[in-house]
N, C-alpha and C. Protein backbone atom coordinates (compact mmCIF):
# COMPACT_ATOMS: atom_id res chain seq x y z
N MET A 1 -33.66 -84.70 -75.47
CA MET A 1 -33.62 -84.83 -76.92
C MET A 1 -33.85 -86.29 -77.30
N MET A 2 -34.64 -86.50 -78.30
CA MET A 2 -34.97 -87.85 -78.76
C MET A 2 -34.00 -88.27 -79.85
N SER A 3 -33.58 -89.51 -79.81
CA SER A 3 -32.70 -90.00 -80.87
C SER A 3 -33.50 -90.23 -82.14
N ILE A 4 -32.80 -90.45 -83.22
CA ILE A 4 -33.48 -90.61 -84.50
C ILE A 4 -34.03 -92.03 -84.63
N ILE A 5 -34.94 -92.32 -83.76
CA ILE A 5 -35.79 -93.50 -83.89
C ILE A 5 -37.21 -92.95 -83.83
N ILE A 6 -37.40 -91.84 -84.49
CA ILE A 6 -38.66 -91.14 -84.51
C ILE A 6 -39.76 -92.03 -85.08
N PHE A 7 -39.42 -92.81 -86.08
CA PHE A 7 -40.40 -93.65 -86.76
C PHE A 7 -40.89 -94.79 -85.89
N ARG A 8 -40.35 -94.92 -84.69
CA ARG A 8 -40.71 -96.05 -83.85
C ARG A 8 -42.19 -96.10 -83.53
N ASN A 9 -42.88 -94.98 -83.53
CA ASN A 9 -44.30 -94.98 -83.23
C ASN A 9 -45.16 -95.28 -84.45
N VAL A 10 -44.52 -95.46 -85.58
CA VAL A 10 -45.28 -95.68 -86.80
C VAL A 10 -45.08 -97.08 -87.35
N PHE A 11 -43.84 -97.44 -87.57
CA PHE A 11 -43.57 -98.75 -88.14
C PHE A 11 -42.20 -99.21 -87.70
N ARG A 12 -42.14 -100.39 -87.21
CA ARG A 12 -40.86 -100.95 -86.85
C ARG A 12 -40.97 -102.47 -86.89
N ARG A 13 -40.03 -103.08 -87.51
CA ARG A 13 -39.98 -104.54 -87.54
C ARG A 13 -38.99 -104.96 -86.49
N ILE A 14 -39.42 -105.78 -85.59
CA ILE A 14 -38.56 -106.25 -84.52
C ILE A 14 -38.58 -107.76 -84.54
N THR A 15 -37.43 -108.35 -84.56
CA THR A 15 -37.31 -109.80 -84.53
C THR A 15 -36.75 -110.21 -83.19
N LEU A 16 -37.49 -111.03 -82.47
CA LEU A 16 -36.99 -111.57 -81.22
C LEU A 16 -36.34 -112.91 -81.53
N SER A 17 -35.06 -112.98 -81.43
CA SER A 17 -34.35 -114.22 -81.75
C SER A 17 -34.35 -115.14 -80.54
N ALA A 18 -34.01 -116.38 -80.77
CA ALA A 18 -33.91 -117.34 -79.67
C ALA A 18 -32.87 -116.88 -78.66
N ASN A 19 -31.79 -116.26 -79.13
CA ASN A 19 -30.76 -115.77 -78.21
C ASN A 19 -31.30 -114.71 -77.27
N VAL A 20 -32.10 -113.79 -77.79
CA VAL A 20 -32.68 -112.76 -76.94
C VAL A 20 -33.62 -113.39 -75.94
N ALA A 21 -34.48 -114.29 -76.43
CA ALA A 21 -35.44 -114.92 -75.54
C ALA A 21 -34.75 -115.73 -74.45
N SER A 22 -33.67 -116.42 -74.79
CA SER A 22 -33.00 -117.25 -73.79
C SER A 22 -32.22 -116.41 -72.79
N SER A 23 -31.89 -115.16 -73.16
CA SER A 23 -31.15 -114.32 -72.22
C SER A 23 -32.07 -113.69 -71.19
N ILE A 24 -33.37 -113.79 -71.39
CA ILE A 24 -34.32 -113.25 -70.43
C ILE A 24 -34.69 -114.36 -69.46
N SER A 25 -34.51 -114.09 -68.18
CA SER A 25 -34.63 -115.15 -67.19
C SER A 25 -36.06 -115.55 -66.89
N SER A 26 -37.01 -114.71 -67.13
CA SER A 26 -38.38 -115.01 -66.73
C SER A 26 -39.33 -114.82 -67.90
N ASN A 27 -40.30 -115.74 -68.00
CA ASN A 27 -41.33 -115.58 -69.03
C ASN A 27 -42.13 -114.31 -68.82
N ASP A 28 -42.33 -113.94 -67.55
CA ASP A 28 -43.07 -112.71 -67.25
C ASP A 28 -42.35 -111.49 -67.81
N VAL A 29 -41.03 -111.49 -67.72
CA VAL A 29 -40.25 -110.38 -68.25
C VAL A 29 -40.41 -110.32 -69.77
N LEU A 30 -40.39 -111.47 -70.42
CA LEU A 30 -40.55 -111.53 -71.87
C LEU A 30 -41.95 -111.05 -72.27
N VAL A 31 -42.96 -111.52 -71.56
CA VAL A 31 -44.33 -111.09 -71.84
C VAL A 31 -44.45 -109.58 -71.67
N ASP A 32 -43.87 -109.05 -70.60
CA ASP A 32 -43.91 -107.60 -70.37
C ASP A 32 -43.21 -106.84 -71.49
N LYS A 33 -42.07 -107.35 -71.94
CA LYS A 33 -41.32 -106.70 -73.02
C LYS A 33 -42.12 -106.70 -74.32
N VAL A 34 -42.72 -107.82 -74.66
CA VAL A 34 -43.52 -107.90 -75.88
C VAL A 34 -44.71 -106.95 -75.78
N GLN A 35 -45.38 -106.92 -74.63
CA GLN A 35 -46.52 -106.02 -74.46
C GLN A 35 -46.09 -104.57 -74.57
N GLN A 36 -44.93 -104.25 -74.03
CA GLN A 36 -44.39 -102.89 -74.13
C GLN A 36 -44.12 -102.52 -75.59
N LEU A 37 -43.55 -103.44 -76.34
CA LEU A 37 -43.29 -103.20 -77.76
C LEU A 37 -44.60 -102.95 -78.52
N ILE A 38 -45.60 -103.76 -78.23
CA ILE A 38 -46.90 -103.61 -78.89
C ILE A 38 -47.52 -102.26 -78.55
N ASN A 39 -47.44 -101.88 -77.27
CA ASN A 39 -48.03 -100.61 -76.83
C ASN A 39 -47.31 -99.40 -77.39
N ASN A 40 -46.01 -99.52 -77.65
CA ASN A 40 -45.20 -98.37 -78.06
C ASN A 40 -45.10 -98.17 -79.57
N HIS A 41 -45.70 -99.05 -80.37
CA HIS A 41 -45.59 -98.96 -81.82
C HIS A 41 -46.96 -99.07 -82.46
N LYS A 42 -47.27 -98.17 -83.36
CA LYS A 42 -48.57 -98.24 -84.03
C LYS A 42 -48.66 -99.44 -84.95
N VAL A 43 -47.55 -99.83 -85.55
CA VAL A 43 -47.50 -101.04 -86.38
C VAL A 43 -46.24 -101.78 -86.01
N ILE A 44 -46.37 -103.05 -85.71
CA ILE A 44 -45.20 -103.86 -85.37
C ILE A 44 -45.43 -105.25 -85.94
N ILE A 45 -44.38 -105.85 -86.44
CA ILE A 45 -44.46 -107.20 -87.00
C ILE A 45 -43.50 -108.10 -86.25
N PHE A 46 -44.01 -109.16 -85.68
CA PHE A 46 -43.18 -110.21 -85.12
C PHE A 46 -43.18 -111.32 -86.16
N SER A 47 -42.01 -111.69 -86.64
CA SER A 47 -42.02 -112.64 -87.75
C SER A 47 -40.84 -113.59 -87.71
N LYS A 48 -40.98 -114.63 -88.51
CA LYS A 48 -39.88 -115.54 -88.79
C LYS A 48 -39.37 -115.21 -90.19
N THR A 49 -38.12 -115.46 -90.41
CA THR A 49 -37.52 -115.11 -91.69
C THR A 49 -38.15 -115.86 -92.86
N PHE A 50 -38.42 -117.14 -92.70
CA PHE A 50 -38.87 -117.95 -93.83
C PHE A 50 -40.32 -118.42 -93.71
N CYS A 51 -41.12 -117.77 -92.90
CA CYS A 51 -42.53 -118.12 -92.76
C CYS A 51 -43.32 -117.51 -93.92
N PRO A 52 -44.03 -118.34 -94.72
CA PRO A 52 -44.74 -117.79 -95.88
C PRO A 52 -45.82 -116.78 -95.49
N TYR A 53 -46.46 -116.95 -94.35
CA TYR A 53 -47.48 -116.00 -93.91
C TYR A 53 -46.85 -114.67 -93.51
N CYS A 54 -45.70 -114.74 -92.85
CA CYS A 54 -44.96 -113.53 -92.47
C CYS A 54 -44.49 -112.78 -93.70
N ILE A 55 -43.97 -113.52 -94.66
CA ILE A 55 -43.49 -112.91 -95.91
C ILE A 55 -44.64 -112.21 -96.62
N LYS A 56 -45.80 -112.85 -96.67
CA LYS A 56 -46.96 -112.25 -97.34
C LYS A 56 -47.40 -110.96 -96.64
N ALA A 57 -47.44 -110.97 -95.32
CA ALA A 57 -47.84 -109.77 -94.57
C ALA A 57 -46.87 -108.62 -94.84
N LYS A 58 -45.57 -108.92 -94.86
CA LYS A 58 -44.57 -107.88 -95.13
C LYS A 58 -44.69 -107.37 -96.57
N GLU A 59 -45.01 -108.27 -97.51
CA GLU A 59 -45.19 -107.86 -98.90
C GLU A 59 -46.36 -106.88 -99.03
N ILE A 60 -47.43 -107.14 -98.29
CA ILE A 60 -48.59 -106.24 -98.32
C ILE A 60 -48.20 -104.86 -97.82
N LEU A 61 -47.46 -104.80 -96.72
CA LEU A 61 -47.01 -103.51 -96.19
C LEU A 61 -46.06 -102.82 -97.16
N GLU A 62 -45.20 -103.59 -97.82
CA GLU A 62 -44.29 -103.01 -98.81
C GLU A 62 -45.06 -102.36 -99.95
N LYS A 63 -46.17 -102.99 -100.37
CA LYS A 63 -46.98 -102.41 -101.44
C LYS A 63 -47.61 -101.10 -101.00
N ILE A 64 -48.03 -101.04 -99.75
CA ILE A 64 -48.66 -99.83 -99.24
C ILE A 64 -47.68 -98.66 -99.26
N ILE A 65 -46.42 -98.92 -98.86
CA ILE A 65 -45.44 -97.82 -98.83
C ILE A 65 -44.62 -97.76 -100.10
N ASP A 66 -44.88 -98.67 -101.05
CA ASP A 66 -44.22 -98.69 -102.35
C ASP A 66 -42.70 -98.71 -102.24
N ALA A 67 -42.20 -99.59 -101.40
CA ALA A 67 -40.75 -99.69 -101.24
C ALA A 67 -40.38 -101.11 -100.88
N LYS A 68 -39.24 -101.55 -101.39
CA LYS A 68 -38.78 -102.90 -101.09
C LYS A 68 -37.45 -102.90 -100.35
N THR A 69 -36.92 -101.73 -100.08
CA THR A 69 -35.62 -101.65 -99.43
C THR A 69 -35.76 -101.12 -98.01
N VAL A 70 -34.74 -101.35 -97.23
CA VAL A 70 -34.67 -100.81 -95.88
C VAL A 70 -33.40 -99.98 -95.77
N PRO A 71 -33.33 -99.03 -94.89
CA PRO A 71 -34.41 -98.69 -93.95
C PRO A 71 -35.52 -97.92 -94.64
N ARG A 72 -36.68 -97.97 -94.08
CA ARG A 72 -37.84 -97.19 -94.48
C ARG A 72 -38.15 -96.32 -93.28
N ILE A 73 -38.00 -95.03 -93.40
CA ILE A 73 -38.08 -94.13 -92.26
C ILE A 73 -39.39 -93.36 -92.31
N PHE A 74 -40.11 -93.41 -91.20
CA PHE A 74 -41.38 -92.71 -91.06
C PHE A 74 -41.24 -91.65 -89.99
N ILE A 75 -41.73 -90.48 -90.27
CA ILE A 75 -41.77 -89.41 -89.27
C ILE A 75 -43.20 -88.89 -89.23
N ASP A 76 -43.78 -88.94 -88.05
CA ASP A 76 -45.14 -88.46 -87.83
C ASP A 76 -46.14 -89.08 -88.80
N GLY A 77 -45.99 -90.37 -89.02
CA GLY A 77 -46.93 -91.10 -89.85
C GLY A 77 -46.68 -91.04 -91.34
N LYS A 78 -45.64 -90.35 -91.77
CA LYS A 78 -45.36 -90.22 -93.20
C LYS A 78 -44.01 -90.84 -93.53
N CYS A 79 -43.97 -91.61 -94.59
CA CYS A 79 -42.72 -92.20 -95.03
C CYS A 79 -41.89 -91.12 -95.71
N ILE A 80 -40.70 -90.87 -95.16
CA ILE A 80 -39.82 -89.87 -95.79
C ILE A 80 -38.85 -90.54 -96.74
N GLY A 81 -38.84 -91.86 -96.77
CA GLY A 81 -37.98 -92.60 -97.68
C GLY A 81 -36.97 -93.45 -96.96
N GLY A 82 -35.85 -93.66 -97.63
CA GLY A 82 -34.79 -94.49 -97.07
C GLY A 82 -33.59 -93.66 -96.66
N CYS A 83 -32.45 -94.29 -96.65
CA CYS A 83 -31.22 -93.64 -96.21
C CYS A 83 -30.86 -92.45 -97.10
N ASP A 84 -30.87 -92.64 -98.41
CA ASP A 84 -30.50 -91.55 -99.31
C ASP A 84 -31.42 -90.35 -99.15
N ASP A 85 -32.73 -90.62 -99.03
CA ASP A 85 -33.70 -89.54 -98.86
C ASP A 85 -33.46 -88.80 -97.55
N THR A 86 -33.15 -89.55 -96.50
CA THR A 86 -32.89 -88.95 -95.20
C THR A 86 -31.62 -88.10 -95.24
N LEU A 87 -30.60 -88.60 -95.92
CA LEU A 87 -29.36 -87.82 -96.06
C LEU A 87 -29.60 -86.51 -96.81
N ILE A 88 -30.40 -86.55 -97.85
CA ILE A 88 -30.71 -85.33 -98.61
C ILE A 88 -31.44 -84.33 -97.71
N LEU A 89 -32.45 -84.82 -96.97
CA LEU A 89 -33.17 -83.94 -96.06
C LEU A 89 -32.24 -83.33 -95.01
N HIS A 90 -31.32 -84.15 -94.52
CA HIS A 90 -30.36 -83.67 -93.51
C HIS A 90 -29.43 -82.61 -94.11
N ARG A 91 -28.89 -82.89 -95.27
CA ARG A 91 -27.92 -81.97 -95.89
C ARG A 91 -28.53 -80.62 -96.24
N ASN A 92 -29.80 -80.61 -96.64
CA ASN A 92 -30.40 -79.32 -97.00
C ASN A 92 -31.13 -78.66 -95.83
N GLY A 93 -31.04 -79.26 -94.64
CA GLY A 93 -31.61 -78.65 -93.44
C GLY A 93 -33.07 -78.96 -93.19
N ASP A 94 -33.70 -79.70 -94.11
CA ASP A 94 -35.13 -79.98 -93.95
C ASP A 94 -35.43 -81.01 -92.87
N LEU A 95 -34.52 -81.95 -92.63
CA LEU A 95 -34.77 -82.97 -91.61
C LEU A 95 -34.92 -82.32 -90.24
N GLU A 96 -34.04 -81.42 -89.91
CA GLU A 96 -34.13 -80.74 -88.61
C GLU A 96 -35.43 -79.94 -88.51
N LYS A 97 -35.83 -79.28 -89.60
CA LYS A 97 -37.09 -78.53 -89.60
C LYS A 97 -38.28 -79.45 -89.33
N ILE A 98 -38.29 -80.59 -90.01
CA ILE A 98 -39.38 -81.56 -89.84
C ILE A 98 -39.43 -82.04 -88.40
N LEU A 99 -38.28 -82.38 -87.83
CA LEU A 99 -38.23 -82.89 -86.46
C LEU A 99 -38.65 -81.82 -85.46
N LYS A 100 -38.29 -80.57 -85.72
CA LYS A 100 -38.71 -79.47 -84.84
C LYS A 100 -40.22 -79.25 -84.93
N GLN A 101 -40.78 -79.38 -86.13
CA GLN A 101 -42.22 -79.18 -86.32
C GLN A 101 -43.04 -80.16 -85.50
N ILE A 102 -42.51 -81.35 -85.29
CA ILE A 102 -43.26 -82.35 -84.51
C ILE A 102 -42.73 -82.47 -83.09
N ASN A 103 -41.96 -81.46 -82.68
CA ASN A 103 -41.47 -81.35 -81.30
C ASN A 103 -40.66 -82.54 -80.82
N THR A 104 -39.79 -83.06 -81.69
CA THR A 104 -38.92 -84.15 -81.26
C THR A 104 -37.52 -83.68 -80.95
N ILE A 105 -37.17 -82.49 -81.41
CA ILE A 105 -35.89 -81.89 -81.02
C ILE A 105 -36.12 -80.43 -80.67
């Protein structure tokens, strides 16, 4: 059974902090991890919090999905919304149906 990180193949923002990087003993391990992240996600953003170019790229993606809040949950390439939307789908049984349709549960 797959955990509810279904959207991982569509969009995920991952920040590698200095603490994470320093805890990895080898540059090769870090390179492998970054390559694995790139290979496992259709869209991934590596960014700095206050970089104007990073902010602009994220703003463009926000316009595409018409949302400024997180989490933004994607299932099978479609944005289902945020937390409230996911809770509604779960409560009325539609979330499980959607996940079964794409063979994740």
